[in-house]
Amino acid sequence: MLFSRIKKSRNEMFDREYEFNKITSAINDEVPLIVVTGIRRVGKTTLVKVLLNEIDMPGIYIDARKLWSIHANISPNVIKKEIVKSFNARKSYAPVMKLLQSLKSIT
């Protein structure tokens, strides 16, 4: 189905073990920033959201396209606010959230 609901677990996805393993390996190697890119409608968002549900580490998802459509120019402060909002949604990362809220600017 073209517009099925977003998957929430790995067993609902098909043929994505390679991508899961690559991202998990990057996380285990403590890569500080992981960016998932690709053409539209191939499951990038689902891949990231399922992985974030499975791991017990601080992680957030930021939809840059959505930010761009709202702000037309994404400033460091817009990114900071989105990071704080994303951590807020996860609720289990209060110490990290507190640190982010104390930041005055991102350069």
N, C-alpha and C. Protein backbone atom coordinates (compact mmCIF):
# COMPACT_ATOMS: atom_id res chain seq x y z
N MET A 1 0.85 -1.17 0.00
CA MET A 1 0.00 0.00 0.00
C MET A 1 0.90 1.24 0.00
N LEU A 2 0.54 2.23 -0.79
CA LEU A 2 1.38 3.41 -0.95
C LEU A 2 1.46 4.25 0.31
N PHE A 3 0.36 4.44 1.01
CA PHE A 3 0.36 5.28 2.20
C PHE A 3 -0.02 4.48 3.43
N SER A 4 0.76 3.47 3.75
CA SER A 4 0.48 2.68 4.94
C SER A 4 0.97 3.43 6.18
N ARG A 5 0.53 2.98 7.34
CA ARG A 5 0.94 3.64 8.58
C ARG A 5 2.44 3.47 8.79
N ILE A 6 3.02 4.36 9.56
CA ILE A 6 4.45 4.30 9.83
C ILE A 6 4.75 3.10 10.71
N LYS A 7 5.75 2.35 10.33
CA LYS A 7 6.16 1.17 11.10
C LYS A 7 6.80 1.61 12.42
N LYS A 8 6.64 0.77 13.44
CA LYS A 8 7.20 1.10 14.75
C LYS A 8 8.24 0.10 15.23
N SER A 9 8.34 -1.04 14.57
CA SER A 9 9.34 -2.02 14.99
C SER A 9 10.04 -2.61 13.76
N ARG A 10 11.21 -3.16 14.01
CA ARG A 10 12.04 -3.70 12.93
C ARG A 10 11.35 -4.83 12.18
N ASN A 11 10.59 -5.66 12.90
CA ASN A 11 9.96 -6.80 12.23
C ASN A 11 8.83 -6.39 11.28
N GLU A 12 8.41 -5.13 11.33
CA GLU A 12 7.41 -4.63 10.38
C GLU A 12 8.06 -4.12 9.09
N MET A 13 9.38 -4.00 9.09
CA MET A 13 10.08 -3.49 7.92
C MET A 13 10.61 -4.65 7.08
N PHE A 14 10.89 -4.37 5.83
CA PHE A 14 11.34 -5.40 4.90
C PHE A 14 12.70 -5.04 4.32
N ASP A 15 13.65 -5.97 4.43
CA ASP A 15 14.94 -5.87 3.77
C ASP A 15 15.72 -4.60 4.13
N ARG A 16 15.83 -4.30 5.42
CA ARG A 16 16.57 -3.12 5.86
C ARG A 16 17.67 -3.47 6.86
N GLU A 17 18.02 -4.74 6.98
CA GLU A 17 19.04 -5.15 7.95
C GLU A 17 20.39 -4.48 7.70
N TYR A 18 20.77 -4.34 6.43
CA TYR A 18 22.05 -3.71 6.11
C TYR A 18 22.09 -2.29 6.67
N GLU A 19 21.03 -1.52 6.42
CA GLU A 19 20.97 -0.14 6.90
C GLU A 19 20.94 -0.08 8.42
N PHE A 20 20.14 -0.96 9.05
CA PHE A 20 20.10 -1.01 10.51
C PHE A 20 21.50 -1.29 11.07
N ASN A 21 22.18 -2.27 10.48
CA ASN A 21 23.51 -2.64 10.96
C ASN A 21 24.52 -1.51 10.78
N LYS A 22 24.47 -0.80 9.65
CA LYS A 22 25.39 0.32 9.40
C LYS A 22 25.18 1.43 10.43
N ILE A 23 23.93 1.78 10.68
CA ILE A 23 23.65 2.86 11.64
C ILE A 23 24.00 2.41 13.05
N THR A 24 23.65 1.18 13.41
CA THR A 24 23.98 0.66 14.74
C THR A 24 25.49 0.63 14.94
N SER A 25 26.22 0.24 13.92
CA SER A 25 27.68 0.23 13.99
C SER A 25 28.23 1.64 14.21
N ALA A 26 27.67 2.62 13.51
CA ALA A 26 28.10 4.01 13.69
C ALA A 26 27.81 4.48 15.11
N ILE A 27 26.67 4.09 15.65
CA ILE A 27 26.33 4.45 17.03
C ILE A 27 27.32 3.81 17.99
N ASN A 28 27.60 2.52 17.80
CA ASN A 28 28.54 1.82 18.68
C ASN A 28 29.95 2.39 18.58
N ASP A 29 30.31 2.91 17.41
CA ASP A 29 31.62 3.54 17.21
C ASP A 29 31.63 4.99 17.69
N GLU A 30 30.53 5.40 18.29
CA GLU A 30 30.37 6.75 18.85
C GLU A 30 30.55 7.86 17.82
N VAL A 31 30.02 7.63 16.63
CA VAL A 31 30.00 8.67 15.61
C VAL A 31 29.05 9.76 16.12
N PRO A 32 29.51 11.02 16.21
CA PRO A 32 28.70 12.05 16.87
C PRO A 32 27.47 12.51 16.10
N LEU A 33 27.48 12.38 14.78
CA LEU A 33 26.35 12.84 13.98
C LEU A 33 26.13 11.86 12.85
N ILE A 34 24.91 11.37 12.74
CA ILE A 34 24.57 10.43 11.68
C ILE A 34 23.46 11.07 10.86
N VAL A 35 23.69 11.21 9.57
CA VAL A 35 22.71 11.80 8.66
C VAL A 35 22.28 10.71 7.68
N VAL A 36 20.97 10.52 7.55
CA VAL A 36 20.44 9.53 6.62
C VAL A 36 19.85 10.29 5.44
N THR A 37 20.39 10.03 4.25
CA THR A 37 19.91 10.72 3.05
C THR A 37 19.46 9.70 2.01
N GLY A 38 18.71 10.16 1.04
CA GLY A 38 18.27 9.29 -0.04
C GLY A 38 17.09 9.90 -0.76
N ILE A 39 16.66 9.25 -1.83
CA ILE A 39 15.53 9.76 -2.59
C ILE A 39 14.24 9.63 -1.77
N ARG A 40 13.22 10.34 -2.22
CA ARG A 40 11.95 10.35 -1.49
C ARG A 40 11.28 8.98 -1.47
N ARG A 41 10.55 8.74 -0.37
CA ARG A 41 9.64 7.60 -0.23
C ARG A 41 10.33 6.23 -0.24
N VAL A 42 11.56 6.16 0.30
CA VAL A 42 12.22 4.86 0.38
C VAL A 42 12.30 4.34 1.81
N GLY A 43 11.80 5.12 2.78
CA GLY A 43 11.75 4.64 4.16
C GLY A 43 12.80 5.20 5.09
N LYS A 44 13.41 6.32 4.75
CA LYS A 44 14.45 6.91 5.62
C LYS A 44 13.88 7.28 6.99
N THR A 45 12.75 7.96 6.99
CA THR A 45 12.13 8.38 8.25
C THR A 45 11.77 7.17 9.10
N THR A 46 11.16 6.18 8.48
CA THR A 46 10.78 4.97 9.21
C THR A 46 12.00 4.27 9.78
N LEU A 47 13.05 4.16 8.99
CA LEU A 47 14.29 3.53 9.44
C LEU A 47 14.83 4.21 10.69
N VAL A 48 14.92 5.52 10.66
CA VAL A 48 15.46 6.27 11.80
C VAL A 48 14.54 6.17 13.01
N LYS A 49 13.25 6.33 12.81
CA LYS A 49 12.32 6.29 13.95
C LYS A 49 12.26 4.91 14.59
N VAL A 50 12.30 3.86 13.80
CA VAL A 50 12.31 2.50 14.36
C VAL A 50 13.59 2.29 15.15
N LEU A 51 14.72 2.71 14.61
CA LEU A 51 15.99 2.56 15.31
C LEU A 51 16.00 3.35 16.61
N LEU A 52 15.49 4.58 16.60
CA LEU A 52 15.43 5.37 17.82
C LEU A 52 14.54 4.72 18.87
N ASN A 53 13.49 4.01 18.44
CA ASN A 53 12.63 3.29 19.39
C ASN A 53 13.35 2.10 20.00
N GLU A 54 14.28 1.50 19.26
CA GLU A 54 14.95 0.28 19.72
C GLU A 54 16.15 0.53 20.63
N ILE A 55 16.86 1.62 20.43
CA ILE A 55 18.08 1.85 21.20
C ILE A 55 17.77 2.60 22.48
N ASP A 56 18.61 2.39 23.47
CA ASP A 56 18.44 3.09 24.74
C ASP A 56 19.55 4.13 24.88
N MET A 57 19.54 5.07 23.97
CA MET A 57 20.53 6.13 23.96
C MET A 57 19.83 7.42 23.56
N PRO A 58 20.40 8.56 23.95
CA PRO A 58 19.81 9.81 23.50
C PRO A 58 19.91 9.91 21.98
N GLY A 59 18.82 10.19 21.37
CA GLY A 59 18.81 10.36 19.93
C GLY A 59 17.57 11.13 19.53
N ILE A 60 17.68 11.92 18.51
CA ILE A 60 16.53 12.70 18.07
C ILE A 60 16.41 12.62 16.55
N TYR A 61 15.24 12.97 16.08
CA TYR A 61 14.96 13.03 14.65
C TYR A 61 14.52 14.46 14.34
N ILE A 62 15.20 15.10 13.40
CA ILE A 62 14.82 16.45 12.98
C ILE A 62 14.49 16.40 11.50
N ASP A 63 13.30 16.85 11.14
CA ASP A 63 12.87 16.91 9.75
C ASP A 63 13.28 18.26 9.18
N ALA A 64 14.44 18.30 8.53
CA ALA A 64 14.97 19.57 8.00
C ALA A 64 14.07 20.15 6.92
N ARG A 65 13.42 19.30 6.15
CA ARG A 65 12.51 19.80 5.11
C ARG A 65 11.35 20.56 5.73
N LYS A 66 10.82 20.04 6.83
CA LYS A 66 9.73 20.72 7.53
C LYS A 66 10.22 22.06 8.08
N LEU A 67 11.40 22.06 8.69
CA LEU A 67 11.96 23.32 9.21
C LEU A 67 12.14 24.33 8.09
N TRP A 68 12.65 23.88 6.97
CA TRP A 68 12.89 24.78 5.84
C TRP A 68 11.58 25.37 5.33
N SER A 69 10.52 24.56 5.28
CA SER A 69 9.24 25.06 4.79
C SER A 69 8.62 26.07 5.75
N ILE A 70 8.92 25.96 7.04
CA ILE A 70 8.38 26.90 8.03
C ILE A 70 9.20 28.17 8.09
N HIS A 71 10.53 28.04 8.07
CA HIS A 71 11.40 29.19 8.33
C HIS A 71 12.10 29.75 7.10
N ALA A 72 12.18 29.03 6.02
CA ALA A 72 12.86 29.42 4.78
C ALA A 72 14.37 29.64 4.95
N ASN A 73 14.82 29.93 6.15
CA ASN A 73 16.24 30.07 6.43
C ASN A 73 16.49 29.47 7.81
N ILE A 74 17.16 28.35 7.86
CA ILE A 74 17.33 27.64 9.12
C ILE A 74 18.55 28.18 9.85
N SER A 75 18.30 28.94 10.90
CA SER A 75 19.38 29.51 11.71
C SER A 75 19.79 28.53 12.80
N PRO A 76 20.94 28.74 13.42
CA PRO A 76 21.35 27.89 14.54
C PRO A 76 20.32 27.88 15.67
N ASN A 77 19.66 29.01 15.92
CA ASN A 77 18.65 29.05 16.98
C ASN A 77 17.43 28.20 16.64
N VAL A 78 17.05 28.16 15.37
CA VAL A 78 15.94 27.30 14.94
C VAL A 78 16.31 25.84 15.18
N ILE A 79 17.53 25.48 14.85
CA ILE A 79 17.99 24.10 15.07
C ILE A 79 18.02 23.79 16.56
N LYS A 80 18.52 24.71 17.38
CA LYS A 80 18.55 24.51 18.84
C LYS A 80 17.14 24.26 19.37
N LYS A 81 16.19 25.09 18.96
CA LYS A 81 14.80 24.92 19.43
C LYS A 81 14.23 23.57 19.00
N GLU A 82 14.55 23.14 17.80
CA GLU A 82 14.05 21.85 17.32
C GLU A 82 14.69 20.69 18.08
N ILE A 83 15.97 20.81 18.42
CA ILE A 83 16.64 19.78 19.21
C ILE A 83 16.00 19.68 20.59
N VAL A 84 15.78 20.81 21.24
CA VAL A 84 15.14 20.82 22.56
C VAL A 84 13.74 20.22 22.47
N LYS A 85 12.98 20.61 21.45
CA LYS A 85 11.62 20.08 21.26
C LYS A 85 11.65 18.57 21.06
N SER A 86 12.62 18.08 20.29
CA SER A 86 12.73 16.64 20.05
C SER A 86 13.08 15.87 21.31
N PHE A 87 14.00 16.40 22.11
CA PHE A 87 14.34 15.74 23.38
C PHE A 87 13.16 15.79 24.34
N ASN A 88 12.42 16.89 24.33
CA ASN A 88 11.22 17.01 25.16
C ASN A 88 10.24 15.89 24.84
N ALA A 89 10.09 15.60 23.57
CA ALA A 89 9.15 14.56 23.14
C ALA A 89 9.58 13.18 23.64
N ARG A 90 10.88 12.95 23.81
CA ARG A 90 11.38 11.66 24.29
C ARG A 90 11.22 11.51 25.80
N LYS A 91 11.19 12.57 26.53
CA LYS A 91 10.94 12.65 27.98
C LYS A 91 11.97 11.95 28.87
N SER A 92 12.71 10.99 28.37
CA SER A 92 13.62 10.25 29.24
C SER A 92 15.03 10.83 29.28
N TYR A 93 15.22 11.97 28.68
CA TYR A 93 16.55 12.55 28.62
C TYR A 93 16.59 13.93 29.26
N ALA A 94 16.02 14.05 30.44
CA ALA A 94 15.94 15.33 31.15
C ALA A 94 17.29 16.00 31.34
N PRO A 95 18.35 15.29 31.75
CA PRO A 95 19.65 15.96 31.94
C PRO A 95 20.18 16.59 30.65
N VAL A 96 20.04 15.88 29.54
CA VAL A 96 20.50 16.41 28.26
C VAL A 96 19.65 17.62 27.88
N MET A 97 18.35 17.52 28.10
CA MET A 97 17.44 18.63 27.81
C MET A 97 17.83 19.87 28.58
N LYS A 98 18.12 19.70 29.86
CA LYS A 98 18.50 20.83 30.71
C LYS A 98 19.75 21.51 30.16
N LEU A 99 20.72 20.71 29.75
CA LEU A 99 21.95 21.24 29.16
C LEU A 99 21.65 22.02 27.89
N LEU A 100 20.83 21.46 27.01
CA LEU A 100 20.51 22.14 25.76
C LEU A 100 19.79 23.46 25.99
N GLN A 101 18.90 23.49 26.97
CA GLN A 101 18.17 24.73 27.26
C GLN A 101 19.09 25.81 27.79
N SER A 102 20.21 25.42 28.38
CA SER A 102 21.12 26.42 28.93
C SER A 102 22.03 27.04 27.86
N LEU A 103 22.06 26.44 26.66
CA LEU A 103 22.90 26.99 25.60
C LEU A 103 22.38 28.34 25.13
N LYS A 104 23.28 29.27 24.94
CA LYS A 104 22.89 30.58 24.45
C LYS A 104 22.92 30.64 22.93
N SER A 105 23.87 29.94 22.32
CA SER A 105 23.93 29.92 20.85
C SER A 105 24.70 28.70 20.39
N ILE A 106 24.51 28.38 19.13
CA ILE A 106 25.22 27.27 18.51
C ILE A 106 26.02 27.86 17.36
N THR A 107 27.31 27.53 17.30
CA THR A 107 28.12 28.05 16.20
C THR A 107 28.73 26.93 15.41
